[in-house]
Protein backbone atom coordinates (compact mmCIF):
# COMPACT_ATOMS: atom_id res chain seq x y z
CA MET A 1 104.13 -5.03 -65.08
CA ARG A 2 104.78 -3.86 -68.62
CA ARG A 3 102.24 -6.11 -69.62
CA LEU A 4 99.82 -4.95 -67.17
CA VAL A 5 100.54 -1.39 -68.04
CA ALA A 6 99.13 -2.82 -72.08
CA VAL A 7 96.22 -4.36 -71.07
CA LEU A 8 94.99 -1.54 -69.20
CA THR A 9 95.97 1.29 -72.15
CA LEU A 10 93.76 -1.34 -74.56
CA ILE A 11 90.99 -1.05 -72.52
CA ALA A 12 90.92 2.52 -72.05
CA VAL A 13 91.33 2.67 -75.81
CA ALA A 14 88.38 0.09 -76.57
CA VAL A 15 86.13 2.23 -73.65
CA SER A 16 87.09 5.36 -75.59
CA LEU A 17 86.29 3.70 -78.58
CA VAL A 18 82.88 2.93 -77.55
CA ALA A 19 82.12 5.95 -75.97
CA CYS A 20 82.15 7.81 -78.87
CA LYS A 21 79.70 5.72 -81.35
CA GLY A 22 76.92 7.38 -78.99
CA PRO A 23 73.87 5.98 -78.38
CA GLY A 24 72.17 3.31 -80.87
CA PRO A 25 69.43 4.31 -83.49
CA VAL A 26 66.25 5.51 -81.86
CA SER A 27 63.26 3.46 -81.90
CA LEU A 28 60.72 3.47 -84.72
CA GLU A 29 58.00 3.03 -81.84
CA GLU A 30 59.69 6.35 -80.18
CA LEU A 31 58.66 7.80 -83.72
CA LEU A 32 56.16 6.56 -85.03
CA SER A 33 52.86 4.73 -83.01
CA TYR A 34 49.05 5.17 -83.35
CA ASP A 35 48.59 6.47 -80.31
CA HIS A 36 50.87 10.11 -81.04
CA ALA A 37 49.85 13.04 -81.94
CA VAL A 38 49.75 14.42 -85.72
CA GLY A 39 53.16 16.70 -86.24
CA HIS A 40 53.15 19.80 -87.96
CA VAL A 41 55.98 20.58 -90.37
CA ARG A 42 56.66 23.38 -92.39
CA ALA A 43 56.83 23.09 -96.09
CA SER A 44 60.71 24.00 -95.76
CA ASP A 45 60.91 21.01 -93.28
CA VAL A 46 60.21 18.52 -95.69
CA GLU A 47 62.12 20.25 -98.92
CA SER A 48 65.16 20.02 -97.22
CA ILE A 49 65.10 15.58 -97.16
CA PRO A 50 67.75 15.31 -99.62
CA LYS A 51 67.10 11.98 -101.88
CA GLY A 52 68.64 8.60 -100.57
CA MET A 53 67.98 9.13 -96.71
CA THR A 54 66.01 5.96 -94.96
CA TYR A 55 62.70 7.14 -93.17
CA ARG A 56 63.91 6.25 -89.93
CA GLU A 57 65.96 9.57 -90.55
CA ILE A 58 63.61 11.83 -92.27
CA ILE A 59 61.14 10.34 -89.74
CA THR A 60 63.60 11.91 -86.91
CA ARG A 61 64.23 14.92 -88.59
CA LEU A 62 60.77 15.57 -88.99
CA GLY A 63 59.87 14.71 -85.25
CA THR A 64 57.73 12.00 -84.19
CA THR A 65 54.18 11.48 -85.53
CA ARG A 66 51.00 9.04 -85.77
CA ASP A 67 51.15 6.15 -87.39
CA VAL A 68 48.13 5.83 -89.69
CA GLY A 69 48.60 2.68 -91.21
CA SER A 70 48.36 -1.14 -90.21
CA GLY A 71 50.66 -3.66 -91.72
CA LEU A 72 52.47 -1.24 -93.28
CA HIS A 73 53.55 1.52 -91.71
CA ILE A 74 52.05 5.57 -92.94
CA ALA A 75 53.67 8.23 -90.99
CA LEU A 76 51.34 11.41 -91.34
CA TYR A 77 52.52 14.93 -90.66
CA ILE A 78 49.77 18.20 -90.99
CA VAL A 79 52.21 20.60 -93.86
CA ASP A 80 51.88 24.38 -92.97
CA ASP A 81 47.97 22.98 -90.93
CA LYS A 82 46.82 23.08 -94.74
CA ARG A 83 47.39 19.69 -96.11
CA ASN A 84 48.28 16.32 -95.02
CA LEU A 85 51.58 14.05 -96.00
CA HIS A 86 51.61 10.77 -96.02
CA ILE A 87 54.67 8.88 -95.95
CA SER A 88 54.48 4.88 -96.32
CA PHE A 89 57.34 2.30 -95.55
CA ALA A 90 57.77 -1.08 -94.80
CA ASP A 91 61.45 -0.76 -93.21
CA ALA A 92 62.31 2.02 -91.80
CA ASP A 93 65.25 1.70 -92.24
CA GLU A 94 65.27 1.36 -95.88
CA SER A 95 66.61 4.27 -98.24
CA CYS A 96 63.75 6.66 -99.39
CA SER A 97 64.07 7.15 -103.31
CA ARG A 98 62.44 10.45 -103.46
CA SER A 99 63.34 13.67 -102.44
CA GLY A 100 61.40 15.82 -99.52
CA ALA A 101 60.57 18.27 -102.49
CA GLU A 102 59.23 14.90 -104.52
CA LEU A 103 57.60 13.66 -101.18
CA LEU A 104 55.71 17.29 -101.05
CA GLN A 105 54.15 17.11 -104.01
CA GLY A 106 52.32 14.01 -102.76
CA ALA A 107 50.88 16.22 -99.81
CA LEU A 108 46.73 17.04 -100.78
CA PRO A 109 44.56 19.48 -99.26
CA ILE A 110 42.61 18.30 -95.77
CA VAL A 111 39.05 17.65 -96.40
CA ASP A 112 36.80 16.79 -92.61
CA GLU A 113 34.49 13.61 -93.64
CA SER A 114 34.17 12.70 -89.98
CA SER A 115 30.40 13.72 -89.76
CA ALA A 116 29.28 11.87 -92.73
CA ILE A 117 29.83 9.32 -94.69
CA GLY A 118 32.85 8.76 -96.80
CA ILE A 119 32.25 5.28 -98.37
CA ARG A 120 29.62 2.79 -98.57
CA GLY A 121 31.15 -0.43 -100.43
CA VAL A 122 32.27 -3.86 -100.84
CA VAL A 123 35.62 -5.08 -98.49
CA LYS A 124 37.88 -5.96 -101.44
CA ASP A 125 41.05 -6.40 -99.75
CA ILE A 126 42.48 -7.17 -96.15
CA VAL A 127 45.74 -6.37 -94.77
CA GLN A 128 46.45 -7.70 -91.09
CA GLY A 129 48.87 -5.31 -89.14
CA LYS A 130 49.71 -5.44 -85.19
CA ASP A 131 46.96 -2.36 -83.90
CA GLY A 132 44.09 -3.20 -86.54
CA ILE A 133 43.55 -3.60 -90.33
CA THR A 134 44.12 -1.83 -94.06
CA MET A 135 40.98 -2.67 -95.77
CA PHE A 136 40.71 -1.34 -99.21
CA VAL A 137 37.00 -0.28 -100.00
CA GLU A 138 35.16 -0.08 -103.49
CA GLY A 139 31.42 1.20 -103.92
CA LYS A 140 29.48 3.58 -105.79
CA LEU A 141 29.52 7.75 -105.45
CA GLU A 142 26.17 8.27 -104.16
CA GLN A 143 24.25 11.20 -103.28
CA TYR A 144 25.13 10.54 -99.13
CA THR A 145 28.93 9.42 -99.98
CA SER A 146 32.24 11.45 -100.93
CA PHE A 147 34.02 8.46 -102.50
CA ASP A 148 33.68 5.29 -104.55
CA LYS A 149 37.56 3.95 -103.63
CA ALA A 150 39.25 4.46 -100.17
CA SER A 151 42.21 2.39 -98.56
CA VAL A 152 40.66 2.63 -94.98
CA THR A 153 42.89 1.68 -91.89
CA VAL A 154 40.48 0.31 -88.90
CA ASN A 155 41.87 0.35 -85.53
CA ILE A 156 41.42 -0.23 -81.49
CA ASN A 157 39.67 3.28 -82.10
CA SER A 158 37.35 2.87 -84.35
CA THR A 159 33.84 1.94 -83.54
CA VAL A 160 32.88 -1.01 -85.81
CA LEU A 161 28.83 -2.10 -86.38
CA ARG A 162 26.94 -5.04 -87.52
CA GLY A 163 23.81 -3.63 -88.62
CA ASN A 164 22.94 -0.75 -85.68
CA ILE A 165 24.75 -2.99 -83.08
CA PRO A 166 28.13 -2.48 -81.83
CA ILE A 167 31.05 -4.69 -81.64
CA THR A 168 32.08 -5.20 -77.98
CA GLY A 169 36.34 -6.04 -77.76
CA LEU A 170 39.35 -4.66 -77.74
CA PHE A 171 39.92 -6.29 -81.34
CA ALA A 172 36.35 -5.39 -82.85
CA PHE A 173 37.79 -5.11 -86.72
CA SER A 174 38.40 -8.57 -86.42
CA GLU A 175 35.11 -9.42 -87.10
CA ILE A 176 35.32 -7.49 -90.44
CA LYS A 177 35.48 -9.61 -93.84
CA LYS A 178 36.82 -9.49 -97.66
CA GLY A 179 33.37 -9.16 -99.35
CA ASP A 180 31.33 -7.66 -96.73
CA THR A 181 29.36 -4.34 -97.35
CA VAL A 182 30.49 -1.81 -94.99
CA GLU A 183 29.68 1.91 -94.17
CA VAL A 184 32.35 4.03 -93.14
CA THR A 185 32.61 8.08 -91.72
CA PHE A 186 36.16 8.81 -91.06
CA ASN A 187 38.21 10.19 -88.08
CA GLY A 188 38.90 13.84 -89.08
CA PRO A 189 40.76 14.59 -92.36
CA VAL A 190 41.81 12.03 -95.30
CA ALA A 191 44.28 12.56 -97.54
CA GLU A 192 42.44 13.23 -101.06
CA SER A 193 44.41 11.23 -103.07
CA TYR A 194 42.56 8.56 -105.22
CA PRO A 195 42.17 5.82 -103.26
CA VAL A 196 41.87 8.43 -100.43
CA GLN A 197 43.69 7.51 -97.27
CA GLY A 198 41.59 7.32 -93.80
CA VAL A 199 41.55 6.39 -90.68
CA ALA A 200 37.70 5.03 -89.38
CA ALA A 201 35.33 7.24 -86.78
CA THR A 202 32.89 4.17 -87.44
CA VAL A 203 32.35 0.68 -89.71
CA ARG A 204 28.84 -0.40 -90.08
CA ILE A 205 29.00 -3.91 -91.43
CA VAL A 206 25.97 -3.93 -93.28
CA ILE A 207 23.82 -6.31 -93.21
CA ALA A 208 21.66 -7.98 -96.19
CA PRO A 209 17.74 -7.92 -95.65
């Protein structure tokens, strides 16, 4: 009987310890996804982040938002309805080497390029992601374009054309190859970094005459 009581006591202690641990870490997909709405935060929310927090902890604190990266996670937040803040990382459990105030220094004014050609140039590099690609495009700044270099994410919501003919299929972005000349219009605001970063509304693969 005494042994039975001891065993039951040990079981009760073990159950109590497990309960004290609470729920496990929130999955990255719950916090960050390409189909989430873009999160809106205040500058003071960002400034309160201490150096050394993991990216998962940062996003948990700021709230769920859209991932505009592919291959590399890029969490996009709109700060005070005036600036875009891009937080880039590969591993959600890696510690961020910058404080919130330092992250905020990279927040740039919102520019809407959705109605014009953002860039016309050559695809220099492509990073493959689960839901799309991120391509680096380099061209010349011309009268009808806005940028000469851009990091462009192309996902399943982007329209891809070869010449003037739309490429159908869920993974139309896979038709884009390194060395292609493309014209890109952006889906809403882009970060005015150099090179700029944004999500493509349309990508037209230019066919040589």
